[in-house]
Amino acid sequence: MQREVMRFILLTVIFLGFSANATNLCPVNDQIAEDMRINEQDFNKENAEKSVEYLSRIVNAPKTPFEWFSIPNATKFINGYALRRNAVLPKASKFHIDEFCRFYASEGWYYD
């Protein structure tokens, strides 16, 4: 019983942490078509890790098929995650938030 309560509390704390990061830091760039826009929350650890794994497969197995746009899209997720991670810290400076927002305004879209 006590383990279940602790599990519930832990999951609640984790969920609250994710929901706190769910708000947008930056204005949406309306000049980018909606279907081409990357959501700000998509610059997350999971997508950055997937991008690193994908790029690693391409480097380690040169015969891995890929489209020309897959590499720049993958690097956007890695860079965007690093910038956003600094911008959502509890004591993030205005510099870090502005740095992510500049990136998001100019790079927050998919190559297609």
PDB file of N, CA and C in Angstrom:
ATOM      1  N   MET A   1       0.822  -1.199   0.000  1.00  0.00           N
ATOM      2  CA  MET A   1       0.000   0.000   0.000  1.00  0.00           C
ATOM      3  C   MET A   1       0.867   1.264   0.000  1.00  0.00           C
ATOM      4  N   GLN A   2       1.871   1.262   0.853  1.00  0.00           N
ATOM      5  CA  GLN A   2       2.733   2.432   0.946  1.00  0.00           C
ATOM      6  C   GLN A   2       3.503   2.652  -0.354  1.00  0.00           C
ATOM      7  N   ARG A   3       3.908   1.559  -1.017  1.00  0.00           N
ATOM      8  CA  ARG A   3       4.596   1.692  -2.296  1.00  0.00           C
ATOM      9  C   ARG A   3       3.689   2.316  -3.341  1.00  0.00           C
ATOM     10  N   GLU A   4       2.418   1.952  -3.320  1.00  0.00           N
ATOM     11  CA  GLU A   4       1.470   2.517  -4.288  1.00  0.00           C
ATOM     12  C   GLU A   4       1.284   4.010  -4.057  1.00  0.00           C
ATOM     13  N   VAL A   5       1.220   4.415  -2.814  1.00  0.00           N
ATOM     14  CA  VAL A   5       1.085   5.839  -2.493  1.00  0.00           C
ATOM     15  C   VAL A   5       2.330   6.590  -2.957  1.00  0.00           C
ATOM     16  N   MET A   6       3.499   6.028  -2.675  1.00  0.00           N
ATOM     17  CA  MET A   6       4.737   6.669  -3.104  1.00  0.00           C
ATOM     18  C   MET A   6       4.816   6.747  -4.632  1.00  0.00           C
ATOM     19  N   ARG A   7       4.396   5.700  -5.307  1.00  0.00           N
ATOM     20  CA  ARG A   7       4.386   5.691  -6.774  1.00  0.00           C
ATOM     21  C   ARG A   7       3.454   6.782  -7.296  1.00  0.00           C
ATOM     22  N   PHE A   8       2.269   6.911  -6.690  1.00  0.00           N
ATOM     23  CA  PHE A   8       1.312   7.941  -7.092  1.00  0.00           C
ATOM     24  C   PHE A   8       1.909   9.329  -6.900  1.00  0.00           C
ATOM     25  N   ILE A   9       2.545   9.548  -5.762  1.00  0.00           N
ATOM     26  CA  ILE A   9       3.149  10.861  -5.494  1.00  0.00           C
ATOM     27  C   ILE A   9       4.259  11.150  -6.500  1.00  0.00           C
ATOM     28  N   LEU A  10       5.095  10.163  -6.756  1.00  0.00           N
ATOM     29  CA  LEU A  10       6.177  10.343  -7.712  1.00  0.00           C
ATOM     30  C   LEU A  10       5.647  10.662  -9.105  1.00  0.00           C
ATOM     31  N   LEU A  11       4.645   9.919  -9.547  1.00  0.00           N
ATOM     32  CA  LEU A  11       4.061  10.179 -10.865  1.00  0.00           C
ATOM     33  C   LEU A  11       3.411  11.553 -10.924  1.00  0.00           C
ATOM     34  N   THR A  12       2.782  11.972  -9.842  1.00  0.00           N
ATOM     35  CA  THR A  12       2.158  13.300  -9.795  1.00  0.00           C
ATOM     36  C   THR A  12       3.210  14.394  -9.920  1.00  0.00           C
ATOM     37  N   VAL A  13       4.313  14.243  -9.201  1.00  0.00           N
ATOM     38  CA  VAL A  13       5.388  15.239  -9.262  1.00  0.00           C
ATOM     39  C   VAL A  13       5.982  15.291 -10.669  1.00  0.00           C
ATOM     40  N   ILE A  14       6.204  14.123 -11.256  1.00  0.00           N
ATOM     41  CA  ILE A  14       6.750  14.081 -12.617  1.00  0.00           C
ATOM     42  C   ILE A  14       5.786  14.747 -13.585  1.00  0.00           C
ATOM     43  N   PHE A  15       4.510  14.417 -13.486  1.00  0.00           N
ATOM     44  CA  PHE A  15       3.515  15.002 -14.379  1.00  0.00           C
ATOM     45  C   PHE A  15       3.475  16.517 -14.228  1.00  0.00           C
ATOM     46  N   LEU A  16       3.502  17.012 -12.997  1.00  0.00           N
ATOM     47  CA  LEU A  16       3.474  18.458 -12.787  1.00  0.00           C
ATOM     48  C   LEU A  16       4.695  19.127 -13.394  1.00  0.00           C
ATOM     49  N   GLY A  17       5.840  18.457 -13.327  1.00  0.00           N
ATOM     50  CA  GLY A  17       7.040  19.007 -13.950  1.00  0.00           C
ATOM     51  C   GLY A  17       6.877  19.127 -15.442  1.00  0.00           C
ATOM     52  N   PHE A  18       6.269  18.113 -16.079  1.00  0.00           N
ATOM     53  CA  PHE A  18       6.048  18.172 -17.520  1.00  0.00           C
ATOM     54  C   PHE A  18       5.015  19.226 -17.873  1.00  0.00           C
ATOM     55  N   SER A  19       3.959  19.344 -17.091  1.00  0.00           N
ATOM     56  CA  SER A  19       2.928  20.325 -17.419  1.00  0.00           C
ATOM     57  C   SER A  19       3.444  21.746 -17.235  1.00  0.00           C
ATOM     58  N   ALA A  20       4.372  21.944 -16.312  1.00  0.00           N
ATOM     59  CA  ALA A  20       4.955  23.274 -16.134  1.00  0.00           C
ATOM     60  C   ALA A  20       5.766  23.664 -17.363  1.00  0.00           C
ATOM     61  N   ASN A  21       6.375  22.686 -18.019  1.00  0.00           N
ATOM     62  CA  ASN A  21       7.163  22.966 -19.207  1.00  0.00           C
ATOM     63  C   ASN A  21       6.310  23.003 -20.462  1.00  0.00           C
ATOM     64  N   ALA A  22       5.004  22.794 -20.329  1.00  0.00           N
ATOM     65  CA  ALA A  22       4.133  22.724 -21.495  1.00  0.00           C
ATOM     66  C   ALA A  22       3.737  24.105 -22.013  1.00  0.00           C
ATOM     67  N   THR A  23       4.024  25.154 -21.276  1.00  0.00           N
ATOM     68  CA  THR A  23       3.668  26.486 -21.747  1.00  0.00           C
ATOM     69  C   THR A  23       4.712  26.977 -22.741  1.00  0.00           C
ATOM     70  N   ASN A  24       4.269  27.775 -23.686  1.00  0.00           N
ATOM     71  CA  ASN A  24       5.182  28.329 -24.682  1.00  0.00           C
ATOM     72  C   ASN A  24       5.973  29.480 -24.092  1.00  0.00           C
ATOM     73  N   LEU A  25       7.237  29.507 -24.401  1.00  0.00           N
ATOM     74  CA  LEU A  25       8.105  30.604 -23.996  1.00  0.00           C
ATOM     75  C   LEU A  25       8.112  31.711 -25.042  1.00  0.00           C
ATOM     76  N   CYS A  26       7.850  31.319 -26.286  1.00  0.00           N
ATOM     77  CA  CYS A  26       8.043  32.217 -27.422  1.00  0.00           C
ATOM     78  C   CYS A  26       6.750  32.381 -28.211  1.00  0.00           C
ATOM     79  N   PRO A  27       6.623  33.511 -28.894  1.00  0.00           N
ATOM     80  CA  PRO A  27       5.478  33.658 -29.794  1.00  0.00           C
ATOM     81  C   PRO A  27       5.608  32.709 -30.981  1.00  0.00           C
ATOM     82  N   VAL A  28       4.490  32.311 -31.513  1.00  0.00           N
ATOM     83  CA  VAL A  28       4.463  31.423 -32.673  1.00  0.00           C
ATOM     84  C   VAL A  28       4.750  32.256 -33.918  1.00  0.00           C
ATOM     85  N   ASN A  29       5.594  31.746 -34.779  1.00  0.00           N
ATOM     86  CA  ASN A  29       5.920  32.420 -36.033  1.00  0.00           C
ATOM     87  C   ASN A  29       4.826  32.081 -37.054  1.00  0.00           C
ATOM     88  N   ASP A  30       3.884  32.981 -37.238  1.00  0.00           N
ATOM     89  CA  ASP A  30       2.758  32.750 -38.145  1.00  0.00           C
ATOM     90  C   ASP A  30       3.165  32.761 -39.612  1.00  0.00           C
ATOM     91  N   GLN A  31       4.383  33.153 -39.917  1.00  0.00           N
ATOM     92  CA  GLN A  31       4.847  33.146 -41.302  1.00  0.00           C
ATOM     93  C   GLN A  31       5.221  31.738 -41.757  1.00  0.00           C
ATOM     94  N   ILE A  32       5.304  30.812 -40.816  1.00  0.00           N
ATOM     95  CA  ILE A  32       5.586  29.409 -41.137  1.00  0.00           C
ATOM     96  C   ILE A  32       4.249  28.683 -41.217  1.00  0.00           C
ATOM     97  N   ALA A  33       4.039  27.959 -42.297  1.00  0.00           N
ATOM     98  CA  ALA A  33       2.784  27.214 -42.453  1.00  0.00           C
ATOM     99  C   ALA A  33       2.589  26.291 -41.256  1.00  0.00           C
ATOM    100  N   GLU A  34       1.368  26.204 -40.785  1.00  0.00           N
ATOM    101  CA  GLU A  34       1.076  25.440 -39.564  1.00  0.00           C
ATOM    102  C   GLU A  34       1.543  23.986 -39.654  1.00  0.00           C
ATOM    103  N   ASP A  35       1.390  23.366 -40.819  1.00  0.00           N
ATOM    104  CA  ASP A  35       1.790  21.961 -40.948  1.00  0.00           C
ATOM    105  C   ASP A  35       3.302  21.779 -41.036  1.00  0.00           C
ATOM    106  N   MET A  36       4.042  22.865 -41.171  1.00  0.00           N
ATOM    107  CA  MET A  36       5.503  22.804 -41.226  1.00  0.00           C
ATOM    108  C   MET A  36       6.152  23.244 -39.914  1.00  0.00           C
ATOM    109  N   ARG A  37       5.356  23.815 -39.029  1.00  0.00           N
ATOM    110  CA  ARG A  37       5.846  24.341 -37.765  1.00  0.00           C
ATOM    111  C   ARG A  37       6.181  23.220 -36.791  1.00  0.00           C
ATOM    112  N   ILE A  38       7.284  23.369 -36.087  1.00  0.00           N
ATOM    113  CA  ILE A  38       7.620  22.453 -34.994  1.00  0.00           C
ATOM    114  C   ILE A  38       7.075  23.077 -33.718  1.00  0.00           C
ATOM    115  N   ASN A  39       6.326  22.298 -32.952  1.00  0.00           N
ATOM    116  CA  ASN A  39       5.822  22.803 -31.674  1.00  0.00           C
ATOM    117  C   ASN A  39       6.986  23.002 -30.713  1.00  0.00           C
ATOM    118  N   GLU A  40       6.909  24.043 -29.946  1.00  0.00           N
ATOM    119  CA  GLU A  40       7.979  24.354 -29.007  1.00  0.00           C
ATOM    120  C   GLU A  40       8.258  23.176 -28.069  1.00  0.00           C
ATOM    121  N   GLN A  41       7.220  22.490 -27.621  1.00  0.00           N
ATOM    122  CA  GLN A  41       7.384  21.369 -26.701  1.00  0.00           C
ATOM    123  C   GLN A  41       8.049  20.158 -27.357  1.00  0.00           C
ATOM    124  N   ASP A  42       8.124  20.136 -28.692  1.00  0.00           N
ATOM    125  CA  ASP A  42       8.779  19.023 -29.386  1.00  0.00           C
ATOM    126  C   ASP A  42      10.298  19.076 -29.272  1.00  0.00           C
ATOM    127  N   PHE A  43      10.823  20.195 -28.818  1.00  0.00           N
ATOM    128  CA  PHE A  43      12.255  20.286 -28.550  1.00  0.00           C
ATOM    129  C   PHE A  43      12.491  19.741 -27.147  1.00  0.00           C
ATOM    130  N   ASN A  44      12.390  18.435 -27.035  1.00  0.00           N
ATOM    131  CA  ASN A  44      12.487  17.770 -25.740  1.00  0.00           C
ATOM    132  C   ASN A  44      13.570  16.701 -25.777  1.00  0.00           C
ATOM    133  N   LYS A  45      13.841  16.154 -24.608  1.00  0.00           N
ATOM    134  CA  LYS A  45      14.912  15.166 -24.479  1.00  0.00           C
ATOM    135  C   LYS A  45      14.652  13.934 -25.338  1.00  0.00           C
ATOM    136  N   GLU A  46      13.417  13.458 -25.347  1.00  0.00           N
ATOM    137  CA  GLU A  46      13.085  12.260 -26.118  1.00  0.00           C
ATOM    138  C   GLU A  46      13.392  12.444 -27.604  1.00  0.00           C
ATOM    139  N   ASN A  47      12.960  13.562 -28.176  1.00  0.00           N
ATOM    140  CA  ASN A  47      13.221  13.803 -29.601  1.00  0.00           C
ATOM    141  C   ASN A  47      14.706  14.055 -29.873  1.00  0.00           C
ATOM    142  N   ALA A  48      15.392  14.684 -28.932  1.00  0.00           N
ATOM    143  CA  ALA A  48      16.836  14.897 -29.102  1.00  0.00           C
ATOM    144  C   ALA A  48      17.566  13.560 -29.080  1.00  0.00           C
ATOM    145  N   GLU A  49      17.174  12.682 -28.169  1.00  0.00           N
ATOM    146  CA  GLU A  49      17.812  11.360 -28.109  1.00  0.00           C
ATOM    147  C   GLU A  49      17.530  10.546 -29.373  1.00  0.00           C
ATOM    148  N   LYS A  50      16.303  10.616 -29.879  1.00  0.00           N
ATOM    149  CA  LYS A  50      15.986   9.924 -31.134  1.00  0.00           C
ATOM    150  C   LYS A  50      16.835  10.465 -32.278  1.00  0.00           C
ATOM    151  N   SER A  51      17.047  11.763 -32.288  1.00  0.00           N
ATOM    152  CA  SER A  51      17.856  12.385 -33.334  1.00  0.00           C
ATOM    153  C   SER A  51      19.306  11.937 -33.243  1.00  0.00           C
ATOM    154  N   VAL A  52      19.843  11.865 -32.028  1.00  0.00           N
ATOM    155  CA  VAL A  52      21.221  11.404 -31.843  1.00  0.00           C
ATOM    156  C   VAL A  52      21.353   9.959 -32.319  1.00  0.00           C
ATOM    157  N   GLU A  53      20.394   9.116 -31.964  1.00  0.00           N
ATOM    158  CA  GLU A  53      20.421   7.716 -32.401  1.00  0.00           C
ATOM    159  C   GLU A  53      20.361   7.620 -33.926  1.00  0.00           C
ATOM    160  N   TYR A  54      19.502   8.411 -34.532  1.00  0.00           N
ATOM    161  CA  TYR A  54      19.360   8.400 -35.989  1.00  0.00           C
ATOM    162  C   TYR A  54      20.660   8.823 -36.668  1.00  0.00           C
ATOM    163  N   LEU A  55      21.239   9.920 -36.210  1.00  0.00           N
ATOM    164  CA  LEU A  55      22.484  10.401 -36.800  1.00  0.00           C
ATOM    165  C   LEU A  55      23.619   9.399 -36.573  1.00  0.00           C
ATOM    166  N   SER A  56      23.618   8.767 -35.428  1.00  0.00           N
ATOM    167  CA  SER A  56      24.630   7.751 -35.143  1.00  0.00           C
ATOM    168  C   SER A  56      24.522   6.582 -36.118  1.00  0.00           C
ATOM    169  N   ARG A  57      23.310   6.163 -36.429  1.00  0.00           N
ATOM    170  CA  ARG A  57      23.125   5.074 -37.405  1.00  0.00           C
ATOM    171  C   ARG A  57      23.663   5.475 -38.773  1.00  0.00           C
ATOM    172  N   ILE A  58      23.427   6.711 -39.166  1.00  0.00           N
ATOM    173  CA  ILE A  58      23.906   7.179 -40.471  1.00  0.00           C
ATOM    174  C   ILE A  58      25.434   7.205 -40.503  1.00  0.00           C
ATOM    175  N   VAL A  59      26.047   7.678 -39.426  1.00  0.00           N
ATOM    176  CA  VAL A  59      27.501   7.756 -39.377  1.00  0.00           C
ATOM    177  C   VAL A  59      28.123   6.368 -39.305  1.00  0.00           C
ATOM    178  N   ASN A  60      27.554   5.492 -38.500  1.00  0.00           N
ATOM    179  CA  ASN A  60      28.149   4.170 -38.292  1.00  0.00           C
ATOM    180  C   ASN A  60      27.807   3.157 -39.374  1.00  0.00           C
ATOM    181  N   ALA A  61      26.755   3.406 -40.110  1.00  0.00           N
ATOM    182  CA  ALA A  61      26.374   2.499 -41.199  1.00  0.00           C
ATOM    183  C   ALA A  61      26.065   3.353 -42.422  1.00  0.00           C
ATOM    184  N   PRO A  62      27.091   3.702 -43.179  1.00  0.00           N
ATOM    185  CA  PRO A  62      26.925   4.650 -44.282  1.00  0.00           C
ATOM    186  C   PRO A  62      25.879   4.248 -45.317  1.00  0.00           C
ATOM    187  N   LYS A  63      25.471   2.992 -45.335  1.00  0.00           N
ATOM    188  CA  LYS A  63      24.467   2.576 -46.307  1.00  0.00           C
ATOM    189  C   LYS A  63      23.046   2.786 -45.790  1.00  0.00           C
ATOM    190  N   THR A  64      22.913   3.377 -44.594  1.00  0.00           N
ATOM    191  CA  THR A  64      21.594   3.664 -44.050  1.00  0.00           C
ATOM    192  C   THR A  64      20.895   4.663 -44.968  1.00  0.00           C
ATOM    193  N   PRO A  65      19.718   4.324 -45.460  1.00  0.00           N
ATOM    194  CA  PRO A  65      19.018   5.272 -46.341  1.00  0.00           C
ATOM    195  C   PRO A  65      18.505   6.478 -45.546  1.00  0.00           C
ATOM    196  N   PHE A  66      18.551   7.626 -46.167  1.00  0.00           N
ATOM    197  CA  PHE A  66      18.005   8.831 -45.541  1.00  0.00           C
ATOM    198  C   PHE A  66      17.647   9.829 -46.624  1.00  0.00           C
ATOM    199  N   GLU A  67      16.727  10.698 -46.292  1.00  0.00           N
ATOM    200  CA  GLU A  67      16.345  11.794 -47.182  1.00  0.00           C
ATOM    201  C   GLU A  67      17.241  12.985 -46.859  1.00  0.00           C
ATOM    202  N   TRP A  68      17.436  13.862 -47.811  1.00  0.00           N
ATOM    203  CA  TRP A  68      18.333  14.998 -47.611  1.00  0.00           C
ATOM    204  C   TRP A  68      17.910  15.851 -46.424  1.00  0.00           C
ATOM    205  N   PHE A  69      16.618  15.908 -46.130  1.00  0.00           N
ATOM    206  CA  PHE A  69      16.130  16.791 -45.074  1.00  0.00           C
ATOM    207  C   PHE A  69      16.187  16.158 -43.686  1.00  0.00           C
ATOM    208  N   SER A  70      16.431  14.854 -43.594  1.00  0.00           N
ATOM    209  CA  SER A  70      16.387  14.201 -42.290  1.00  0.00           C
ATOM    210  C   SER A  70      17.540  14.618 -41.375  1.00  0.00           C
ATOM    211  N   ILE A  71      18.703  14.877 -41.940  1.00  0.00           N
ATOM    212  CA  ILE A  71      19.848  15.283 -41.114  1.00  0.00           C
ATOM    213  C   ILE A  71      19.646  16.686 -40.546  1.00  0.00           C
ATOM    214  N   PRO A  72      19.284  17.690 -41.357  1.00  0.00           N
ATOM    215  CA  PRO A  72      19.073  19.017 -40.751  1.00  0.00           C
ATOM    216  C   PRO A  72      17.910  19.029 -39.755  1.00  0.00           C
ATOM    217  N   ASN A  73      16.861  18.243 -40.006  1.00  0.00           N
ATOM    218  CA  ASN A  73      15.765  18.174 -39.038  1.00  0.00           C
ATOM    219  C   ASN A  73      16.246  17.573 -37.726  1.00  0.00           C
ATOM    220  N   ALA A  74      17.059  16.525 -37.801  1.00  0.00           N
ATOM    221  CA  ALA A  74      17.573  15.887 -36.587  1.00  0.00           C
ATOM    222  C   ALA A  74      18.451  16.851 -35.790  1.00  0.00           C
ATOM    223  N   THR A  75      19.309  17.592 -36.484  1.00  0.00           N
ATOM    224  CA  THR A  75      20.179  18.519 -35.761  1.00  0.00           C
ATOM    225  C   THR A  75      19.386  19.661 -35.126  1.00  0.00           C
ATOM    226  N   LYS A  76      18.255  20.046 -35.743  1.00  0.00           N
ATOM    227  CA  LYS A  76      17.396  21.072 -35.135  1.00  0.00           C
ATOM    228  C   LYS A  76      16.872  20.610 -33.784  1.00  0.00           C
ATOM    229  N   PHE A  77      16.480  19.338 -33.708  1.00  0.00           N
ATOM    230  CA  PHE A  77      15.934  18.841 -32.449  1.00  0.00           C
ATOM    231  C   PHE A  77      16.994  18.785 -31.354  1.00  0.00           C
ATOM    232  N   ILE A  78      18.213  18.467 -31.717  1.00  0.00           N
ATOM    233  CA  ILE A  78      19.290  18.423 -30.726  1.00  0.00           C
ATOM    234  C   ILE A  78      19.609  19.838 -30.242  1.00  0.00           C
ATOM    235  N   ASN A  79      19.802  20.746 -31.176  1.00  0.00           N
ATOM    236  CA  ASN A  79      20.106  22.131 -30.823  1.00  0.00           C
ATOM    237  C   ASN A  79      18.946  22.776 -30.072  1.00  0.00           C
ATOM    238  N   GLY A  80      17.729  22.579 -30.567  1.00  0.00           N
ATOM    239  CA  GLY A  80      16.556  23.166 -29.917  1.00  0.00           C
ATOM    240  C   GLY A  80      16.359  22.665 -28.508  1.00  0.00           C
ATOM    241  N   TYR A  81      16.606  21.370 -28.293  1.00  0.00           N
ATOM    242  CA  TYR A  81      16.472  20.827 -26.943  1.00  0.00           C
ATOM    243  C   TYR A  81      17.498  21.452 -26.004  1.00  0.00           C
ATOM    244  N   ALA A  82      18.740  21.570 -26.457  1.00  0.00           N
ATOM    245  CA  ALA A  82      19.785  22.155 -25.608  1.00  0.00           C
ATOM    246  C   ALA A  82      19.427  23.597 -25.232  1.00  0.00           C
ATOM    247  N   LEU A  83      18.941  24.362 -26.194  1.00  0.00           N
ATOM    248  CA  LEU A  83      18.580  25.754 -25.920  1.00  0.00           C
ATOM    249  C   LEU A  83      17.342  25.855 -25.031  1.00  0.00           C
ATOM    250  N   ARG A  84      16.333  25.022 -25.320  1.00  0.00           N
ATOM    251  CA  ARG A  84      15.097  25.084 -24.535  1.00  0.00           C
ATOM    252  C   ARG A  84      15.320  24.601 -23.107  1.00  0.00           C
ATOM    253  N   ARG A  85      16.167  23.598 -22.948  1.00  0.00           N
ATOM    254  CA  ARG A  85      16.465  23.082 -21.602  1.00  0.00           C
ATOM    255  C   ARG A  85      16.988  24.211 -20.719  1.00  0.00           C
ATOM    256  N   ASN A  86      17.882  25.037 -21.252  1.00  0.00           N
ATOM    257  CA  ASN A  86      18.399  26.170 -20.475  1.00  0.00           C
ATOM    258  C   ASN A  86      17.332  27.225 -20.227  1.00  0.00           C
ATOM    259  N   ALA A  87      16.416  27.380 -21.166  1.00  0.00           N
ATOM    260  CA  ALA A  87      15.396  28.424 -21.064  1.00  0.00           C
ATOM    261  C   ALA A  87      14.281  28.075 -20.082  1.00  0.00           C
ATOM    262  N   VAL A  88      14.078  26.795 -19.788  1.00  0.00           N
ATOM    263  CA  VAL A  88      12.982  26.410 -18.881  1.00  0.00           C
ATOM    264  C   VAL A  88      13.463  26.128 -17.464  1.00  0.00           C
ATOM    265  N   LEU A  89      14.740  26.315 -17.204  1.00  0.00           N
ATOM    266  CA  LEU A  89      15.243  26.129 -15.842  1.00  0.00           C
ATOM    267  C   LEU A  89      14.542  27.107 -14.904  1.00  0.00           C
ATOM    268  N   PRO A  90      14.342  26.729 -13.650  1.00  0.00           N
ATOM    269  CA  PRO A  90      13.650  27.624 -12.720  1.00  0.00           C
ATOM    270  C   PRO A  90      14.265  29.026 -12.634  1.00  0.00           C
ATOM    271  N   LYS A  91      15.582  29.108 -12.732  1.00  0.00           N
ATOM    272  CA  LYS A  91      16.229  30.426 -12.654  1.00  0.00           C
ATOM    273  C   LYS A  91      16.847  30.811 -13.996  1.00  0.00           C
ATOM    274  N   ALA A  92      16.136  30.484 -15.082  1.00  0.00           N
ATOM    275  CA  ALA A  92      16.643  30.806 -16.419  1.00  0.00           C
ATOM    276  C   ALA A  92      16.762  32.321 -16.579  1.00  0.00           C
ATOM    277  N   SER A  93      17.853  32.729 -17.188  1.00  0.00           N
ATOM    278  CA  SER A  93      18.045  34.157 -17.424  1.00  0.00           C
ATOM    279  C   SER A  93      17.269  34.578 -18.664  1.00  0.00           C
ATOM    280  N   LYS A  94      17.038  35.869 -18.769  1.00  0.00           N
ATOM    281  CA  LYS A  94      16.381  36.412 -19.959  1.00  0.00           C
ATOM    282  C   LYS A  94      17.202  36.083 -21.200  1.00  0.00           C
ATOM    283  N   PHE A  95      18.516  36.059 -21.076  1.00  0.00           N
ATOM    284  CA  PHE A  95      19.392  35.713 -22.192  1.00  0.00           C
ATOM    285  C   PHE A  95      19.055  34.321 -22.730  1.00  0.00           C
ATOM    286  N   HIS A  96      18.920  33.327 -21.852  1.00  0.00           N
ATOM    287  CA  HIS A  96      18.639  31.963 -22.288  1.00  0.00           C
ATOM    288  C   HIS A  96      17.265  31.851 -22.946  1.00  0.00           C
ATOM    289  N   ILE A  97      16.302  32.552 -22.404  1.00  0.00           N
ATOM    290  CA  ILE A  97      14.962  32.530 -23.004  1.00  0.00           C
ATOM    291  C   ILE A  97      14.999  33.204 -24.376  1.00  0.00           C
ATOM    292  N   ASP A  98      15.642  34.360 -24.458  1.00  0.00           N
ATOM    293  CA  ASP A  98      15.754  35.072 -25.737  1.00  0.00           C
ATOM    294  C   ASP A  98      16.532  34.250 -26.763  1.00  0.00           C
ATOM    295  N   GLU A  99      17.571  33.563 -26.301  1.00  0.00           N
ATOM    296  CA  GLU A  99      18.372  32.739 -27.204  1.00  0.00           C
ATOM    297  C   GLU A  99      17.517  31.621 -27.799  1.00  0.00           C
ATOM    298  N   PHE A 100      16.711  30.962 -26.965  1.00  0.00           N
ATOM    299  CA  PHE A 100      15.838  29.913 -27.488  1.00  0.00           C
ATOM    300  C   PHE A 100      14.789  30.508 -28.425  1.00  0.00           C
ATOM    301  N   CYS A 101      14.208  31.636 -28.064  1.00  0.00           N
ATOM    302  CA  CYS A 101      13.166  32.244 -28.898  1.00  0.00           C
ATOM    303  C   CYS A 101      13.711  32.688 -30.256  1.00  0.00           C
ATOM    304  N   ARG A 102      14.941  33.175 -30.292  1.00  0.00           N
ATOM    305  CA  ARG A 102      15.561  33.520 -31.582  1.00  0.00           C
ATOM    306  C   ARG A 102      15.723  32.263 -32.437  1.00  0.00           C
ATOM    307  N   PHE A 103      16.190  31.199 -31.812  1.00  0.00           N
ATOM    308  CA  PHE A 103      16.317  29.920 -32.518  1.00  0.00           C
ATOM    309  C   PHE A 103      14.951  29.463 -33.011  1.00  0.00           C
ATOM    310  N   TYR A 104      13.958  29.503 -32.146  1.00  0.00           N
ATOM    311  CA  TYR A 104      12.628  29.007 -32.495  1.00  0.00           C
ATOM    312  C   TYR A 104      12.019  29.830 -33.639  1.00  0.00           C
ATOM    313  N   ALA A 105      12.218  31.127 -33.623  1.00  0.00           N
ATOM    314  CA  ALA A 105      11.670  31.979 -34.688  1.00  0.00           C
ATOM    315  C   ALA A 105      12.317  31.677 -36.036  1.00  0.00           C
ATOM    316  N   SER A 106      13.602  31.355 -36.022  1.00  0.00           N
ATOM    317  CA  SER A 106      14.295  31.152 -37.297  1.00  0.00           C
ATOM    318  C   SER A 106      14.422  29.675 -37.699  1.00  0.00           C
ATOM    319  N   GLU A 107      14.292  28.753 -36.759  1.00  0.00           N
ATOM    320  CA  GLU A 107      14.522  27.333 -37.044  1.00  0.00           C
ATOM    321  C   GLU A 107      13.360  26.434 -36.627  1.00  0.00           C
ATOM    322  N   GLY A 108      12.255  26.987 -36.188  1.00  0.00           N
ATOM    323  CA  GLY A 108      11.139  26.198 -35.671  1.00  0.00           C
ATOM    324  C   GLY A 108      10.233  25.623 -36.755  1.00  0.00           C
ATOM    325  N   TRP A 109      10.821  25.060 -37.775  1.00  0.00           N
ATOM    326  CA  TRP A 109      10.062  24.487 -38.883  1.00  0.00           C
ATOM    327  C   TRP A 109      10.818  23.288 -39.445  1.00  0.00           C
ATOM    328  N   TYR A 110      10.067  22.415 -40.083  1.00  0.00           N
ATOM    329  CA  TYR A 110      10.651  21.213 -40.664  1.00  0.00           C
ATOM    330  C   TYR A 110      11.141  21.468 -42.085  1.00  0.00           C
ATOM    331  N   TYR A 111      12.293  20.892 -42.418  1.00  0.00           N
ATOM    332  CA  TYR A 111      12.672  20.769 -43.825  1.00  0.00           C
ATOM    333  C   TYR A 111      11.793  19.676 -44.410  1.00  0.00           C
ATOM    334  N   ASP A 112      11.409  19.848 -45.631  1.00  0.00           N
ATOM    335  CA  ASP A 112      10.523  18.845 -46.240  1.00  0.00           C
ATOM    336  C   ASP A 112      10.943  18.535 -47.659  1.00  0.00           C
TER     337      ASP A 112
END
